[in-house]
């Protein structure tokens, strides 16, 4: 850990994150920005790491003496990965038993269930590009473990595989909990963006065979036809989905997409009716390499796509032609503010400083003073973005400002492209930090500074109408690696109550965890606060 390092022209010393590297797994072949995911297997969380030609499973356990023991296994594949490189990897769990009669999913941001059933399946999905010399390369989606159980050995899990041939080159691979068209119960659908500028959805049949379905029937906001502007070659590079709920019972489905041409779209919808309540679009410099939604508000529930909770309605959503038409009708129009029920688009590509200098009012429109004084749903949800041309920024209060409350993160542009972003409490202070991984071999950790108070003139107006000041962020810590940082994962691999930070670079995975001294200090401080 580079304690006291300095960044750029800033003379302020950085903080020690008080973490140590406890494990390193070297890769013989390069990984990529889609090359890692948390893998729930045999009662523990593990990390799957995919290089160009290999897939490794990294796990940890605690010995009777209390020492950490690390293990690394290779996941075999029916295709020769030397000739057919891995593009992306994802993993999720499906429960179909008395433990959870309605079905469910546990992923990288949830705890393991208290008990497991032999019928519980852990499914790993791998996008593979079949290598040959034609101009239209073939690709496969391989689904492992659809007919296996959570206790199945890794070697046997690799043999339980379904190969789905694709007509496009795969990009981002993820999943979402969705109603089943056959039974009305919930299931886990696989989402995959491709070189055909579309997002494809695969759902399991009654025989656990995954088949592609029309995504418009389930999630109209993720259907990308008719073509978007600049869509000659403009695939979706990142799919970021989350389910929001607040103490008043309001629920929303939030969808953010990052495109190769720099376009970012936001859609907030009612999950029960599919009605869009807010959507917005911006286009900034360069490909969007990573997205991450987060909140600082402890009373809000924001569950990202890997662990979406069950929806109230188990019916299959119906197609909404009016919604489908409205979402794309105004892409050719110019607008400087987010819209409700219609999609806006900027008239030109904006640089990050230009976007940050845009003055944004609240997007709430209401006829009553009572409604004006009430914050809109998702007002305390923020979006962390990273771009391949070297920018990183926070889009503040996306439920209130849309994509217009831009806060550039300092020094991120100094280390080549931003490859990945994540949000996690890495210093155990109870508040999440923003993590940015760069092609320039750096991991940058940011903390939010205090939020400025509104001016007296602004505070005399209703909160929803007055311009709210934006917070600032400071570089808190910086860690250098030997290779470009491609992906970041957070999980409690040893199941000891302390989250590990897994940093996958081009040629290896580093596991960082807080030092015993740091963890002890935080526990003692928490006990003292509780006693007071």
Protein backbone atom coordinates (compact mmCIF):
# COMPACT_ATOMS: atom_id res chain seq x y z
CA UNK A 1 0.00 0.00 0.00
CA UNK A 2 1.40 3.38 -1.00
CA UNK A 3 0.83 5.32 2.20
CA UNK A 4 1.34 9.06 1.93
CA UNK A 5 1.59 9.02 -1.89
CA UNK A 6 0.94 12.21 -3.80
CA UNK A 7 -1.11 12.58 -6.95
CA UNK A 8 -0.38 14.99 -9.81
CA UNK A 9 0.17 18.57 -8.66
CA UNK A 10 -1.82 18.10 -5.46
CA UNK A 11 0.50 18.56 -2.49
CA UNK A 12 -1.91 16.94 -0.01
CA UNK A 13 -0.69 13.57 1.27
CA UNK A 14 -3.03 10.65 0.75
CA UNK A 15 -4.35 8.38 3.46
CA UNK A 16 -3.27 4.83 4.15
CA UNK A 17 -6.18 2.53 3.33
CA UNK A 18 -4.84 0.12 5.97
CA UNK A 19 -5.18 -2.92 3.75
CA UNK A 20 -2.77 -5.64 2.80
CA UNK A 21 -2.45 -7.99 -0.13
CA UNK A 22 -3.20 -11.49 1.10
CA UNK A 23 -3.36 -13.39 -2.18
CA UNK A 24 -2.20 -13.05 -5.78
CA UNK A 25 -3.13 -15.28 -8.71
CA UNK A 26 -1.10 -14.80 -11.87
CA UNK A 27 -2.76 -15.13 -15.28
CA UNK A 28 -0.83 -16.56 -18.23
CA UNK A 29 -3.12 -14.82 -20.69
CA UNK A 30 -4.66 -11.31 -20.51
CA UNK A 31 -8.05 -10.69 -18.92
CA UNK A 32 -10.49 -7.91 -19.88
CA UNK A 33 -13.05 -5.55 -18.32
CA UNK A 34 -15.71 -8.31 -18.24
CA UNK A 35 -13.36 -10.93 -16.81
CA UNK A 36 -14.39 -11.43 -13.16
CA UNK A 37 -17.47 -12.06 -11.01
CA UNK A 38 -18.41 -13.33 -7.55
CA UNK A 39 -19.26 -17.05 -7.56
CA UNK A 40 -21.44 -18.55 -4.79
CA UNK A 41 -20.44 -22.19 -4.47
CA UNK A 42 -20.64 -24.84 -1.72
CA UNK A 43 -21.72 -22.41 0.96
CA UNK A 44 -19.06 -19.80 0.22
CA UNK A 45 -18.43 -16.84 -2.02
CA UNK A 46 -15.57 -17.29 -4.44
CA UNK A 47 -14.18 -15.27 -7.32
CA UNK A 48 -14.26 -16.40 -10.93
CA UNK A 49 -11.55 -14.82 -13.08
CA UNK A 50 -11.45 -15.31 -16.84
CA UNK A 51 -8.36 -14.66 -18.90
CA UNK A 52 -8.31 -15.04 -22.66
CA UNK A 53 -7.85 -18.81 -22.45
CA UNK A 54 -8.46 -19.85 -18.83
CA UNK A 55 -11.09 -19.57 -16.09
CA UNK A 56 -9.96 -19.72 -12.46
CA UNK A 57 -11.95 -20.01 -9.23
CA UNK A 58 -10.34 -18.33 -6.21
CA UNK A 59 -11.61 -19.27 -2.75
CA UNK A 60 -10.67 -18.93 0.91
CA UNK A 61 -11.36 -20.75 4.15
CA UNK A 62 -10.25 -20.50 7.77
CA UNK A 63 -8.28 -23.27 9.43
CA UNK A 64 -8.89 -24.48 12.97
CA UNK A 65 -5.97 -22.34 14.04
CA UNK A 66 -7.69 -19.28 12.58
CA UNK A 67 -5.35 -18.90 9.59
CA UNK A 68 -6.61 -18.05 6.12
CA UNK A 69 -6.13 -20.76 3.51
CA UNK A 70 -6.46 -19.79 -0.16
CA UNK A 71 -7.20 -22.10 -3.07
CA UNK A 72 -7.23 -21.71 -6.85
CA UNK A 73 -8.97 -24.16 -9.20
CA UNK A 74 -9.36 -24.06 -12.95
CA UNK A 75 -12.81 -24.37 -14.49
CA UNK A 76 -12.63 -26.50 -17.62
CA UNK A 77 -14.68 -25.72 -20.71
CA UNK A 78 -15.97 -27.98 -23.53
CA UNK A 79 -14.52 -25.62 -26.11
CA UNK A 80 -10.80 -25.12 -26.49
CA UNK A 81 -10.32 -21.69 -24.92
CA UNK A 82 -6.93 -21.38 -26.57
CA UNK A 83 -8.69 -21.18 -29.92
CA UNK A 84 -11.95 -19.70 -28.60
CA UNK A 85 -11.21 -16.81 -26.23
CA UNK A 86 -13.46 -15.88 -23.31
CA UNK A 87 -15.14 -12.48 -23.71
CA UNK A 88 -17.06 -12.22 -20.43
CA UNK A 89 -18.23 -14.15 -17.39
CA UNK A 90 -21.14 -13.94 -14.92
CA UNK A 91 -22.61 -16.13 -12.18
CA UNK A 92 -25.81 -16.41 -10.13
CA UNK A 93 -27.77 -18.83 -7.94
CA UNK A 94 -31.32 -20.07 -8.39
CA UNK A 95 -33.48 -21.55 -5.64
CA UNK A 96 -36.44 -23.75 -6.57
CA UNK A 97 -37.39 -25.51 -3.36
CA UNK A 98 -39.18 -25.10 -0.04
CA UNK A 99 -36.49 -22.75 1.21
CA UNK A 100 -37.78 -20.16 -1.26
CA UNK A 101 -40.99 -21.24 -2.92
CA UNK A 102 -41.13 -18.20 -5.17
CA UNK A 103 -37.62 -18.67 -6.48
CA UNK A 104 -34.83 -16.21 -5.94
CA UNK A 105 -31.31 -15.22 -6.75
CA UNK A 106 -28.23 -14.61 -4.66
CA UNK A 107 -25.18 -12.99 -6.17
CA UNK A 108 -22.17 -10.93 -5.30
CA UNK A 109 -23.93 -8.39 -3.08
CA UNK A 110 -25.95 -10.70 -0.86
CA UNK A 111 -25.23 -13.04 2.02
CA UNK A 112 -25.39 -16.77 1.56
CA UNK A 113 -28.62 -18.51 2.60
CA UNK A 114 -28.82 -20.02 6.07
CA UNK A 115 -29.24 -23.46 4.59
CA UNK A 116 -29.07 -24.88 1.10
CA UNK A 117 -30.95 -27.57 -0.74
CA UNK A 118 -29.49 -30.10 -3.19
CA UNK A 119 -31.90 -28.63 -5.75
CA UNK A 120 -30.26 -25.20 -5.46
CA UNK A 121 -28.38 -24.49 -8.69
CA UNK A 122 -25.37 -22.28 -9.19
CA UNK A 123 -25.12 -21.14 -12.79
CA UNK A 124 -22.05 -19.72 -14.46
CA UNK A 125 -22.40 -18.08 -17.84
CA UNK A 126 -19.47 -17.58 -20.19
CA UNK A 127 -19.41 -15.67 -23.46
CA UNK A 128 -16.94 -17.27 -25.86
CA UNK A 129 -15.81 -15.92 -29.21
CA UNK A 130 -15.15 -18.74 -31.66
CA UNK A 131 -11.89 -17.92 -33.36
CA UNK A 132 -11.52 -18.24 -37.11
CA UNK A 133 -10.54 -16.04 -40.01
CA UNK A 134 -13.93 -15.15 -41.48
CA UNK A 135 -15.22 -11.58 -41.33
CA UNK A 136 -18.28 -12.72 -39.34
CA UNK A 137 -16.91 -14.65 -36.35
CA UNK A 138 -19.23 -16.96 -34.48
CA UNK A 139 -19.68 -16.85 -30.74
CA UNK A 140 -21.23 -19.03 -28.05
CA UNK A 141 -23.01 -18.44 -24.78
CA UNK A 142 -22.14 -21.34 -22.48
CA UNK A 143 -24.33 -21.91 -19.42
CA UNK A 144 -22.77 -24.10 -16.72
CA UNK A 145 -24.66 -25.76 -13.88
CA UNK A 146 -28.29 -25.38 -14.97
CA UNK A 147 -28.94 -28.98 -13.93
CA UNK A 148 -26.45 -29.19 -11.08
CA UNK A 149 -26.70 -28.38 -7.39
CA UNK A 150 -24.85 -25.96 -5.15
CA UNK A 151 -22.82 -28.88 -3.73
CA UNK A 152 -21.60 -30.07 -7.13
CA UNK A 153 -17.82 -30.16 -7.46
CA UNK A 154 -16.27 -27.66 -9.80
CA UNK A 155 -15.04 -30.39 -12.15
CA UNK A 156 -18.55 -31.82 -12.53
CA UNK A 157 -20.09 -28.37 -12.77
CA UNK A 158 -17.95 -27.71 -15.82
CA UNK A 159 -19.40 -30.79 -17.52
CA UNK A 160 -22.99 -29.59 -17.07
CA UNK A 161 -23.00 -27.08 -19.91
CA UNK A 162 -25.47 -25.72 -22.45
CA UNK A 163 -23.96 -24.12 -25.57
CA UNK A 164 -26.02 -21.46 -27.35
CA UNK A 165 -24.67 -20.25 -30.67
CA UNK A 166 -24.76 -16.48 -31.16
CA UNK A 167 -24.93 -14.46 -34.37
CA UNK A 168 -23.09 -11.49 -32.85
CA UNK A 169 -19.95 -10.76 -30.86
CA UNK A 170 -20.82 -10.68 -27.12
CA UNK A 171 -20.00 -7.69 -24.90
CA UNK A 172 -21.38 -7.20 -21.38
CA UNK A 173 -22.88 -10.25 -19.69
CA UNK A 174 -25.17 -9.90 -16.65
CA UNK A 175 -28.52 -11.16 -15.30
CA UNK A 176 -31.80 -10.04 -13.77
CA UNK A 177 -34.66 -11.60 -11.81
CA UNK A 178 -37.77 -11.71 -13.98
CA UNK A 179 -41.24 -13.33 -14.08
CA UNK A 180 -41.38 -16.62 -15.94
CA UNK A 181 -43.62 -16.75 -19.00
CA UNK A 182 -44.39 -20.44 -18.42
CA UNK A 183 -45.23 -20.70 -14.72
CA UNK A 184 -45.68 -17.11 -13.57
CA UNK A 185 -43.01 -17.76 -10.94
CA UNK A 186 -39.80 -15.83 -10.92
CA UNK A 187 -36.65 -16.92 -12.68
CA UNK A 188 -33.28 -15.48 -13.56
CA UNK A 189 -32.81 -14.17 -17.08
CA UNK A 190 -29.43 -13.70 -18.72
CA UNK A 191 -28.78 -10.34 -20.38
CA UNK A 192 -26.09 -9.98 -23.03
CA UNK A 193 -25.23 -6.96 -25.15
CA UNK A 194 -23.73 -7.54 -28.55
CA UNK A 195 -22.03 -6.10 -31.60
CA UNK A 196 -25.47 -5.87 -33.26
CA UNK A 197 -26.24 -2.87 -31.00
CA UNK A 198 -28.89 -4.84 -29.08
CA UNK A 199 -29.38 -6.36 -25.64
CA UNK A 200 -30.42 -10.01 -25.80
CA UNK A 201 -32.41 -11.79 -23.09
CA UNK A 202 -32.25 -15.55 -22.42
CA UNK A 203 -34.71 -17.28 -20.07
CA UNK A 204 -34.83 -20.91 -18.89
CA UNK A 205 -37.52 -23.28 -20.07
CA UNK A 206 -39.21 -25.93 -17.92
CA UNK A 207 -36.29 -28.23 -18.78
CA UNK A 208 -33.68 -25.62 -17.78
CA UNK A 209 -32.69 -24.99 -21.37
CA UNK A 210 -32.03 -21.31 -21.95
CA UNK A 211 -33.70 -19.73 -24.96
CA UNK A 212 -33.70 -16.19 -26.28
CA UNK A 213 -36.90 -14.21 -25.81
CA UNK A 214 -38.16 -10.77 -26.82
CA UNK A 215 -36.80 -8.36 -24.23
CA UNK A 216 -39.41 -5.75 -25.19
CA UNK A 217 -42.10 -7.88 -23.54
CA UNK A 218 -40.32 -7.68 -20.19
CA UNK A 219 -38.18 -4.54 -20.12
CA UNK A 220 -39.09 -2.03 -22.84
CA UNK A 221 -36.36 0.35 -21.69
CA UNK A 222 -33.71 -2.22 -22.62
CA UNK A 223 -34.99 -2.77 -26.15
CA UNK A 224 -32.69 -0.86 -28.50
CA UNK A 225 -34.70 -1.01 -31.72
CA UNK A 226 -35.37 1.17 -33.68
CA UNK A 227 -31.70 2.14 -33.92
CA UNK A 228 -30.31 4.87 -31.71
CA UNK A 229 -28.32 7.80 -33.15
CA UNK A 230 -24.75 7.07 -34.21
CA UNK A 231 -25.72 3.38 -34.16
CA UNK A 232 -23.74 2.28 -37.22
CA UNK A 233 -21.54 0.46 -34.73
CA UNK A 234 -22.57 1.38 -31.22
CA UNK A 235 -22.90 -1.60 -28.88
CA UNK A 236 -23.87 -1.35 -25.23
CA UNK A 237 -20.67 -1.72 -23.22
CA UNK A 238 -22.27 -1.62 -19.76
CA UNK A 239 -25.66 -2.62 -18.36
CA UNK A 240 -26.33 -1.34 -14.84
CA UNK A 241 -29.69 -2.25 -13.29
CA UNK A 242 -31.01 -1.74 -9.78
CA UNK A 243 -34.21 -2.10 -7.78
CA UNK A 244 -35.07 0.83 -5.48
CA UNK A 245 -37.43 0.97 -2.52
CA UNK A 246 -37.87 3.49 0.30
CA UNK A 247 -39.56 3.34 3.73
CA UNK A 248 -42.80 4.74 2.27
CA UNK A 249 -43.16 1.69 0.03
CA UNK A 250 -42.30 3.41 -3.27
CA UNK A 251 -40.46 1.07 -5.63
CA UNK A 252 -38.65 1.80 -8.86
CA UNK A 253 -36.62 -0.08 -11.45
CA UNK A 254 -33.56 1.89 -12.55
CA UNK A 255 -31.75 1.10 -15.80
CA UNK A 256 -28.53 2.74 -16.96
CA UNK A 257 -26.79 1.84 -20.21
CA UNK A 258 -23.33 2.92 -21.36
CA UNK A 259 -22.54 2.84 -25.08
CA UNK A 260 -19.39 2.65 -27.16
CA UNK A 261 -19.97 6.13 -28.63
CA UNK A 262 -20.15 7.76 -25.18
CA UNK A 263 -23.92 7.80 -24.83
CA UNK A 264 -25.39 7.10 -21.38
CA UNK A 265 -29.12 6.49 -20.96
CA UNK A 266 -31.14 6.49 -17.74
CA UNK A 267 -34.65 5.10 -17.29
CA UNK A 268 -36.60 4.97 -14.03
CA UNK A 269 -39.77 2.89 -14.24
CA UNK A 270 -42.50 1.49 -12.01
CA UNK A 271 -41.70 -2.26 -11.79
CA UNK A 272 -45.37 -3.24 -11.50
CA UNK A 273 -46.73 -1.32 -14.50
CA UNK A 274 -43.58 -0.72 -16.62
CA UNK A 275 -44.56 2.96 -16.71
CA UNK A 276 -41.53 5.19 -17.25
CA UNK A 277 -41.46 8.06 -14.75
CA UNK A 278 -38.13 9.59 -15.81
CA UNK A 279 -35.57 9.08 -18.55
CA UNK A 280 -32.58 11.03 -19.77
CA UNK A 281 -29.71 10.75 -22.23
CA UNK A 282 -26.29 12.35 -22.50
CA UNK A 283 -23.40 11.78 -24.90
CA UNK A 284 -19.89 12.46 -23.66
CA UNK A 285 -16.37 11.81 -24.93
CA UNK A 286 -15.37 8.23 -25.66
CA UNK A 287 -16.67 4.75 -24.82
CA UNK A 288 -18.38 4.18 -21.46
CA UNK A 289 -16.36 1.44 -19.80
CA UNK A 290 -18.11 1.12 -16.44
CA UNK A 291 -21.20 2.19 -14.44
CA UNK A 292 -22.15 1.75 -10.79
CA UNK A 293 -25.23 3.01 -8.92
CA UNK A 294 -25.02 3.74 -5.20
CA UNK A 295 -26.59 5.67 -2.31
CA UNK A 296 -25.37 7.07 1.00
CA UNK A 297 -28.85 7.01 2.57
CA UNK A 298 -29.10 4.18 5.15
CA UNK A 299 -32.92 3.91 5.00
CA UNK A 300 -33.05 3.31 1.25
CA UNK A 301 -32.83 -0.09 -0.40
CA UNK A 302 -30.84 -0.05 -3.62
CA UNK A 303 -30.20 -3.55 -4.90
CA UNK A 304 -28.12 -3.86 -8.03
CA UNK A 305 -29.02 -6.35 -10.75
CA UNK A 306 -27.04 -9.25 -9.34
CA UNK A 307 -29.40 -9.51 -6.37
CA UNK A 308 -32.66 -7.93 -7.48
CA UNK A 309 -35.42 -8.70 -4.96
CA UNK A 310 -38.61 -10.37 -6.04
CA UNK A 311 -41.20 -8.09 -7.57
CA UNK A 312 -44.71 -7.92 -6.16
CA UNK A 313 -46.30 -8.97 -9.40
CA UNK A 314 -45.45 -12.37 -10.87
CA UNK A 315 -47.32 -11.85 -14.09
CA UNK A 316 -45.43 -11.51 -17.33
CA UNK A 317 -45.27 -7.80 -18.27
CA UNK A 318 -47.08 -6.99 -21.47
CA UNK A 319 -45.73 -5.05 -24.39
CA UNK A 320 -46.35 -1.32 -24.17
CA UNK A 321 -46.29 0.13 -27.72
CA UNK A 322 -46.87 3.69 -26.52
CA UNK A 323 -43.97 3.47 -24.10
CA UNK A 324 -41.79 1.84 -26.75
CA UNK A 325 -42.58 4.62 -29.21
CA UNK A 326 -42.15 7.48 -26.73
CA UNK A 327 -38.77 6.27 -25.56
CA UNK A 328 -37.21 6.79 -28.98
CA UNK A 329 -39.40 9.50 -30.47
CA UNK A 330 -37.35 12.37 -29.09
CA UNK A 331 -33.83 11.05 -29.59
CA UNK A 332 -33.49 13.43 -32.52
CA UNK A 333 -34.63 16.42 -30.45
CA UNK A 334 -32.37 18.68 -28.43
CA UNK A 335 -32.89 19.18 -24.72
CA UNK A 336 -30.92 20.38 -21.72
CA UNK A 337 -33.06 18.87 -18.98
CA UNK A 338 -34.28 15.34 -18.21
CA UNK A 339 -37.85 14.55 -19.17
CA UNK A 340 -40.69 12.66 -17.56
CA UNK A 341 -42.23 10.00 -19.84
CA UNK A 342 -40.12 11.09 -22.83
CA UNK A 343 -36.48 10.65 -23.62
CA UNK A 344 -34.16 13.59 -24.11
CA UNK A 345 -30.91 13.80 -25.99
CA UNK A 346 -28.21 16.46 -26.18
CA UNK A 347 -27.66 18.17 -29.49
CA UNK A 348 -23.92 17.40 -29.48
CA UNK A 349 -21.27 15.41 -27.69
CA UNK A 350 -20.20 17.14 -24.49
CA UNK A 351 -16.89 16.95 -22.70
CA UNK A 352 -16.96 16.22 -19.00
CA UNK A 353 -16.16 19.85 -18.03
CA UNK A 354 -18.98 21.06 -20.28
CA UNK A 355 -21.40 18.64 -18.66
CA UNK A 356 -20.22 19.62 -15.19
CA UNK A 357 -20.78 23.32 -15.94
CA UNK A 358 -24.40 22.75 -16.96
CA UNK A 359 -26.78 24.33 -14.45
CA UNK A 360 -29.55 21.89 -13.59
CA UNK A 361 -32.82 22.51 -11.78
CA UNK A 362 -34.94 19.79 -10.25
CA UNK A 363 -36.86 17.66 -12.74
CA UNK A 364 -39.96 17.46 -10.56
CA UNK A 365 -43.09 18.99 -12.02
CA UNK A 366 -46.10 19.29 -9.75
CA UNK A 367 -49.19 21.45 -9.28
CA UNK A 368 -49.30 21.40 -5.48
CA UNK A 369 -46.99 22.98 -2.93
CA UNK A 370 -47.04 19.77 -0.90
CA UNK A 371 -45.71 17.76 -3.85
CA UNK A 372 -43.10 20.41 -4.61
CA UNK A 373 -41.68 20.09 -1.12
CA UNK A 374 -41.42 16.31 -1.35
CA UNK A 375 -38.29 14.79 -2.85
CA UNK A 376 -38.93 12.52 -5.87
CA UNK A 377 -38.19 8.80 -5.59
CA UNK A 378 -34.55 7.87 -6.22
CA UNK A 379 -33.46 11.44 -5.40
CA UNK A 380 -30.63 10.06 -3.24
CA UNK A 381 -29.40 7.58 -5.85
CA UNK A 382 -26.17 8.46 -7.65
CA UNK A 383 -24.33 7.01 -10.66
CA UNK A 384 -20.56 6.54 -10.82
CA UNK A 385 -19.30 6.47 -14.42
CA UNK A 386 -15.95 5.67 -16.00
CA UNK A 387 -14.83 6.26 -19.58
CA UNK A 388 -12.13 4.70 -21.73
CA UNK A 389 -10.71 8.14 -22.56
CA UNK A 390 -9.79 8.69 -18.94
CA UNK A 391 -12.71 10.36 -17.19
CA UNK A 392 -14.51 9.37 -14.01
CA UNK A 393 -17.44 11.28 -12.55
CA UNK A 394 -20.43 11.06 -10.24
CA UNK A 395 -23.84 11.91 -11.67
CA UNK A 396 -25.48 13.20 -8.51
CA UNK A 397 -29.13 12.51 -7.59
CA UNK A 398 -30.16 10.83 -10.83
CA UNK A 399 -33.77 10.50 -9.64
CA UNK A 400 -33.97 14.28 -9.30
CA UNK A 401 -31.43 15.72 -11.76
CA UNK A 402 -31.35 12.95 -14.33
CA UNK A 403 -27.86 12.69 -15.82
CA UNK A 404 -27.09 16.41 -15.44
CA UNK A 405 -25.62 16.70 -11.93
CA UNK A 406 -22.07 15.90 -13.00
CA UNK A 407 -19.14 15.93 -10.54
CA UNK A 408 -15.79 15.04 -12.19
CA UNK A 409 -13.45 13.08 -9.93
CA UNK A 410 -10.06 14.80 -9.63
CA UNK A 411 -6.91 13.21 -11.12
CA UNK A 412 -8.76 10.32 -12.78
CA UNK A 413 -7.85 11.72 -16.21
CA UNK A 414 -4.13 11.52 -15.42
CA UNK A 415 -3.85 7.74 -15.70
CA UNK A 416 -5.01 6.85 -19.20
CA UNK A 417 -8.41 5.22 -19.56
CA UNK A 418 -10.76 4.32 -16.70
CA UNK A 419 -11.46 0.61 -17.07
CA UNK A 420 -13.70 -0.11 -14.06
CA UNK A 421 -15.50 1.52 -11.13
CA UNK A 422 -17.00 0.14 -7.92
CA UNK A 423 -18.42 1.40 -4.62
CA UNK A 424 -17.45 -0.23 -1.33
CA UNK A 425 -16.53 0.59 2.27
CA UNK A 426 -12.84 -0.27 2.05
CA UNK A 427 -11.69 1.55 5.20
CA UNK A 428 -14.46 0.23 7.49
CA UNK A 429 -15.77 3.66 8.46
CA UNK A 430 -19.37 2.76 7.64
CA UNK A 431 -19.53 4.94 4.52
CA UNK A 432 -18.83 3.71 0.99
CA UNK A 433 -15.84 4.94 -0.98
CA UNK A 434 -15.65 5.28 -4.76
CA UNK A 435 -13.12 2.99 -6.44
CA UNK A 436 -11.69 3.72 -9.89
CA UNK A 437 -9.37 1.37 -11.78
CA UNK A 438 -7.31 2.78 -14.64
CA UNK A 439 -5.35 1.51 -17.62
CA UNK A 440 -2.41 3.40 -16.12
CA UNK A 441 -2.05 0.71 -13.41
CA UNK A 442 -3.69 2.80 -10.66
CA UNK A 443 -6.49 2.13 -8.19
CA UNK A 444 -7.92 5.46 -7.06
CA UNK A 445 -10.10 5.68 -3.93
CA UNK A 446 -12.35 8.73 -3.40
CA UNK A 447 -14.28 10.05 -0.42
CA UNK A 448 -17.19 12.48 -0.48
CA UNK A 449 -16.47 15.82 1.17
CA UNK A 450 -19.09 17.72 3.13
CA UNK A 451 -22.02 18.93 1.02
CA UNK A 452 -22.23 22.74 0.77
CA UNK A 453 -25.30 24.36 2.28
CA UNK A 454 -27.77 25.99 -0.13
CA UNK A 455 -27.70 29.77 -0.36
CA UNK A 456 -30.25 31.71 1.66
CA UNK A 457 -32.03 32.77 -1.51
CA UNK A 458 -32.29 29.21 -2.70
CA UNK A 459 -33.38 27.89 0.68
CA UNK A 460 -36.43 30.16 0.70
CA UNK A 461 -37.82 28.28 -2.30
CA UNK A 462 -39.37 24.80 -2.15
CA UNK A 463 -36.63 22.10 -2.04
CA UNK A 464 -37.75 20.57 -5.32
CA UNK A 465 -37.45 23.91 -7.16
CA UNK A 466 -34.35 25.46 -5.60
CA UNK A 467 -30.95 24.64 -7.13
CA UNK A 468 -29.21 22.26 -4.74
CA UNK A 469 -25.41 22.52 -4.40
CA UNK A 470 -23.34 19.59 -5.56
CA UNK A 471 -20.92 17.87 -3.18
CA UNK A 472 -17.23 17.45 -3.93
CA UNK A 473 -14.98 14.39 -3.82
CA UNK A 474 -11.33 14.12 -2.81
CA UNK A 475 -8.74 11.51 -3.68
CA UNK A 476 -8.31 9.55 -0.45
CA UNK A 477 -5.92 6.77 -1.44
CA UNK A 478 -3.94 5.55 -4.43
CA UNK A 479 -2.51 2.10 -5.07
CA UNK A 480 -0.20 1.18 -7.97
CA UNK A 481 -0.15 -2.18 -9.71
CA UNK A 482 2.12 -3.74 -12.33
CA UNK A 483 -0.54 -3.91 -15.04
CA UNK A 484 -3.74 -2.11 -16.11
CA UNK A 485 -6.64 -2.53 -13.66
CA UNK A 486 -9.54 -4.18 -15.53
CA UNK A 487 -12.18 -5.14 -12.94
CA UNK A 488 -13.06 -4.73 -9.25
CA UNK A 489 -15.08 -7.11 -7.06
CA UNK A 490 -16.08 -6.99 -3.39
CA UNK A 491 -17.03 -9.99 -1.29
CA UNK A 492 -16.42 -11.84 1.96
CA UNK A 493 -14.54 -14.87 0.64
CA UNK A 494 -13.46 -16.37 4.01
CA UNK A 495 -16.88 -15.65 5.60
CA UNK A 496 -15.30 -13.89 8.57
CA UNK A 497 -17.39 -10.72 8.34
CA UNK A 498 -14.77 -8.62 6.55
CA UNK A 499 -15.18 -7.82 2.86
CA UNK A 500 -12.23 -8.41 0.55
CA UNK A 501 -11.42 -6.22 -2.43
CA UNK A 502 -10.44 -8.24 -5.50
CA UNK A 503 -8.52 -6.26 -8.10
CA UNK A 504 -8.12 -8.04 -11.45
CA UNK A 505 -5.45 -6.57 -13.67
CA UNK A 506 -4.49 -7.57 -17.19
CA UNK A 507 -2.31 -10.44 -15.93
CA UNK A 508 -3.42 -11.27 -12.40
CA UNK A 509 -5.84 -10.91 -9.48
CA UNK A 510 -4.82 -9.23 -6.21
CA UNK A 511 -6.88 -9.83 -3.06
CA UNK A 512 -6.74 -6.92 -0.62
CA UNK A 513 -8.27 -6.96 2.85
CA UNK A 514 -8.19 -4.60 5.83
CA UNK A 515 -5.39 -5.25 8.30
CA UNK A 516 -6.23 -6.80 11.67
CA UNK A 517 -5.21 -3.55 13.33
CA UNK A 518 -7.59 -1.53 11.14
CA UNK A 519 -10.49 -3.90 11.75
CA UNK A 520 -9.83 -3.95 15.51
CA UNK A 521 -9.68 -0.17 15.68
CA UNK A 522 -13.02 0.15 13.91
CA UNK A 523 -14.68 -2.42 16.18
CA UNK A 524 -13.42 -0.71 19.33
CA UNK A 525 -14.63 2.67 18.03
CA UNK A 526 -18.07 1.23 17.27
CA UNK A 527 -18.31 -0.31 20.75
CA UNK A 528 -17.36 2.99 22.38
CA UNK A 529 -20.02 4.83 20.39
CA UNK A 530 -22.62 2.23 21.39
CA UNK A 531 -21.66 2.52 25.05
CA UNK A 532 -21.94 6.32 24.95
